[in-house]
């Protein structure tokens, strides 16, 4: 730990310096922040060895939101063939908790617009000590410009693997995350309040969203990503606890999803405000995915959530060339009663059920307006063509 702090202090003083974590070595490192804002620009963190998180619960106190953190830097690159191992199994077997970001287990569909959860996981009696309820993200970047992450593997994170918060200019490529599909809340890559983001050529396996795009994100381009296991690629949940959410200009294309809970999804809470605008999902290959295409404006992580009128406005959502197999339902569009989804466009949608599956559902649409540019398989006849006749203009409450 002290060696890492000393090496960072030295690297921080020299522009374009390199801090090396050597190959064929394993380093046990406690919670640490590699922070600016007075560091020189364009530092390289060369990770060729392995960094492992401690499993002694005393190290974490009452819990931390992150384990390895890089803050307020300009031009920071993490690269190499090394591994960040969060020792997550010690955290996953604790009693589930309400994740401050997003806590979901399983979707349940229909018209009561609520979501049910699996029964709670049992407490493992063999634990010698109880890990804190606040589970850390393995690697977090905050308030930084021109961030690059490439080559490395992040595995077994207690919670999110890789998070970017309040960053501008992010590039992630040729790296991977790896955690079991039943590891709770272990998003692969989590974006919030960040813009000008490029993610490509990356393999993401986790127990939650492979990529999660939260409020404040714009100009995000994702392509050539493999996702699975996991919950798919999601925008949201947005608008929790009556907050305002703004997301725009998101492109997700040339993506393969295998065995995930959802494919491409937008999820918002009732009572929120703001908007999601300008989203393209293109050339998405799904295999054994429960719900390949989802808009859920009644998102809820409890057994019942209160119905509210206000909503995050959704418009300009394009789906094209989405093909493959599903196991529950091909399309689920559940939009706000007060503020329907607008300009939802569907082109070349070809989704087939696995023949051995039972209890399949037909496409479902609620208050969803747009256009079918080609015939779809199966037919999505529930989409309402055009615009709602009574749609009210957006107020200042809705616009971003």
Foldseek 3Di string as FASTA:
>chain_A
DVVVVVLLVVQQADAQEEAEDDDPDEAEAWADESEDLPGHAAYEYEAAYEYEYDLPQVSQPQHDAARYEYENHENYEYAYQYEYEDQQVSQQLAKADQAPFDFADAADDDDVLFGAHDPTHDHDPPDPDRHHNNFYAYYEYEQYEQYEYANYEYENGNAEDYEYYLYEHYEYAHYEYYYALCRTRHADYEYELYEPYEYAHYEYEDNEEVYEAEFNYEHYEYAHYEYDAYAEHEYDQYCPPLEEGEYEAEEYEHYEYEQYAEHYEYEYDANYAAEYAHYEYYQYEYEAYAEHEYYRFHDDRHRDDDHHQHGAAAEHYEYENYEYEHQAEHAEADAGPQHAHYAYEYYEAYYYYDPVHPNHDYHDHDRAEHDYPDAHVVGPVVHHYDHDPPHDDDDPRHYD
